[in-house]
Amino acid sequence: MRPVDHKVKLALDLPTTKRRRRPSSTWLTTVVKDLKEAQLDKDFAQDRAKWRKRTRKADPK
């Protein structure tokens, strides 16, 4: 075992804290965000005819 003040051990002293990052997004959060951006709600998505009419366009607004 090397002493605590050994040169190699001092050179390899790495930071132990992890970098913080944003939480990974889930499928559901992505869908909710997309519905909000398109100004649609969950009930609108349940009516298939309205949903197809609104989402088949290039810009659903």
C-alpha atoms as a PDB file:
ATOM      1  CA  MET A   1       0.000   0.000   0.000  1.00  0.00           C
ATOM      2  CA  ARG A   2       1.328   3.451  -0.917  1.00  0.00           C
ATOM      3  CA  PRO A   3       1.708   6.192   1.636  1.00  0.00           C
ATOM      4  CA  VAL A   4      -0.935   8.924   1.625  1.00  0.00           C
ATOM      5  CA  ASP A   5       1.510  11.565   0.372  1.00  0.00           C
ATOM      6  CA  HIS A   6       2.948   9.445  -2.467  1.00  0.00           C
ATOM      7  CA  LYS A   7       3.461  11.330  -5.778  1.00  0.00           C
ATOM      8  CA  VAL A   8       1.346   9.011  -7.935  1.00  0.00           C
ATOM      9  CA  LYS A   9      -1.530   9.051  -5.488  1.00  0.00           C
ATOM     10  CA  LEU A  10      -1.479  12.857  -5.367  1.00  0.00           C
ATOM     11  CA  ALA A  11      -1.526  13.083  -9.173  1.00  0.00           C
ATOM     12  CA  LEU A  12      -4.533  10.755  -9.479  1.00  0.00           C
ATOM     13  CA  ASP A  13      -6.693  12.562  -6.943  1.00  0.00           C
ATOM     14  CA  LEU A  14      -9.943  13.063  -8.900  1.00  0.00           C
ATOM     15  CA  PRO A  15     -12.987  15.066  -7.859  1.00  0.00           C
ATOM     16  CA  THR A  16     -15.589  12.841  -6.262  1.00  0.00           C
ATOM     17  CA  THR A  17     -18.707  14.932  -6.800  1.00  0.00           C
ATOM     18  CA  LYS A  18     -20.974  14.201  -9.731  1.00  0.00           C
ATOM     19  CA  ARG A  19     -22.082  16.961 -12.051  1.00  0.00           C
ATOM     20  CA  ARG A  20     -25.721  17.872 -11.790  1.00  0.00           C
ATOM     21  CA  ARG A  21     -27.850  17.641 -14.886  1.00  0.00           C
ATOM     22  CA  ARG A  22     -31.491  17.849 -15.771  1.00  0.00           C
ATOM     23  CA  PRO A  23     -33.637  14.797 -15.053  1.00  0.00           C
ATOM     24  CA  SER A  24     -34.152  12.510 -18.018  1.00  0.00           C
ATOM     25  CA  SER A  25     -37.434  13.097 -19.775  1.00  0.00           C
ATOM     26  CA  THR A  26     -40.020  10.344 -19.985  1.00  0.00           C
ATOM     27  CA  TRP A  27     -42.401   9.503 -22.797  1.00  0.00           C
ATOM     28  CA  LEU A  28     -45.366  10.852 -20.832  1.00  0.00           C
ATOM     29  CA  THR A  29     -43.730  14.205 -20.034  1.00  0.00           C
ATOM     30  CA  THR A  30     -42.841  14.612 -23.709  1.00  0.00           C
ATOM     31  CA  VAL A  31     -46.416  13.869 -24.806  1.00  0.00           C
ATOM     32  CA  VAL A  32     -47.890  16.276 -22.244  1.00  0.00           C
ATOM     33  CA  LYS A  33     -45.468  19.000 -23.365  1.00  0.00           C
ATOM     34  CA  ASP A  34     -46.327  18.427 -27.038  1.00  0.00           C
ATOM     35  CA  LEU A  35     -50.061  18.575 -26.306  1.00  0.00           C
ATOM     36  CA  LYS A  36     -49.575  21.825 -24.408  1.00  0.00           C
ATOM     37  CA  GLU A  37     -47.570  23.352 -27.268  1.00  0.00           C
ATOM     38  CA  ALA A  38     -50.287  22.362 -29.759  1.00  0.00           C
ATOM     39  CA  GLN A  39     -52.934  23.779 -27.382  1.00  0.00           C
ATOM     40  CA  LEU A  40     -54.696  20.414 -27.121  1.00  0.00           C
ATOM     41  CA  ASP A  41     -55.943  18.611 -24.034  1.00  0.00           C
ATOM     42  CA  LYS A  42     -56.292  14.937 -23.151  1.00  0.00           C
ATOM     43  CA  ASP A  43     -60.040  14.924 -23.827  1.00  0.00           C
ATOM     44  CA  PHE A  44     -59.448  16.220 -27.356  1.00  0.00           C
ATOM     45  CA  ALA A  45     -57.134  13.290 -28.000  1.00  0.00           C
ATOM     46  CA  GLN A  46     -59.930  10.858 -27.077  1.00  0.00           C
ATOM     47  CA  ASP A  47     -62.143  11.981 -30.005  1.00  0.00           C
ATOM     48  CA  ARG A  48     -60.499  10.193 -32.925  1.00  0.00           C
ATOM     49  CA  ALA A  49     -62.169  12.176 -35.725  1.00  0.00           C
ATOM     50  CA  LYS A  50     -61.198  15.551 -34.240  1.00  0.00           C
ATOM     51  CA  TRP A  51     -57.704  14.287 -33.446  1.00  0.00           C
ATOM     52  CA  ARG A  52     -57.061  13.111 -37.027  1.00  0.00           C
ATOM     53  CA  LYS A  53     -58.452  16.302 -38.516  1.00  0.00           C
ATOM     54  CA  ARG A  54     -56.259  18.459 -36.283  1.00  0.00           C
ATOM     55  CA  THR A  55     -53.034  16.443 -36.389  1.00  0.00           C
ATOM     56  CA  ARG A  56     -52.841  15.534 -40.081  1.00  0.00           C
ATOM     57  CA  LYS A  57     -51.808  19.097 -40.946  1.00  0.00           C
ATOM     58  CA  ALA A  58     -48.185  20.193 -41.041  1.00  0.00           C
ATOM     59  CA  ASP A  59     -48.909  22.909 -38.455  1.00  0.00           C
ATOM     60  CA  PRO A  60     -51.774  21.785 -36.190  1.00  0.00           C
ATOM     61  CA  LYS A  61     -52.534  25.288 -34.846  1.00  0.00           C
END
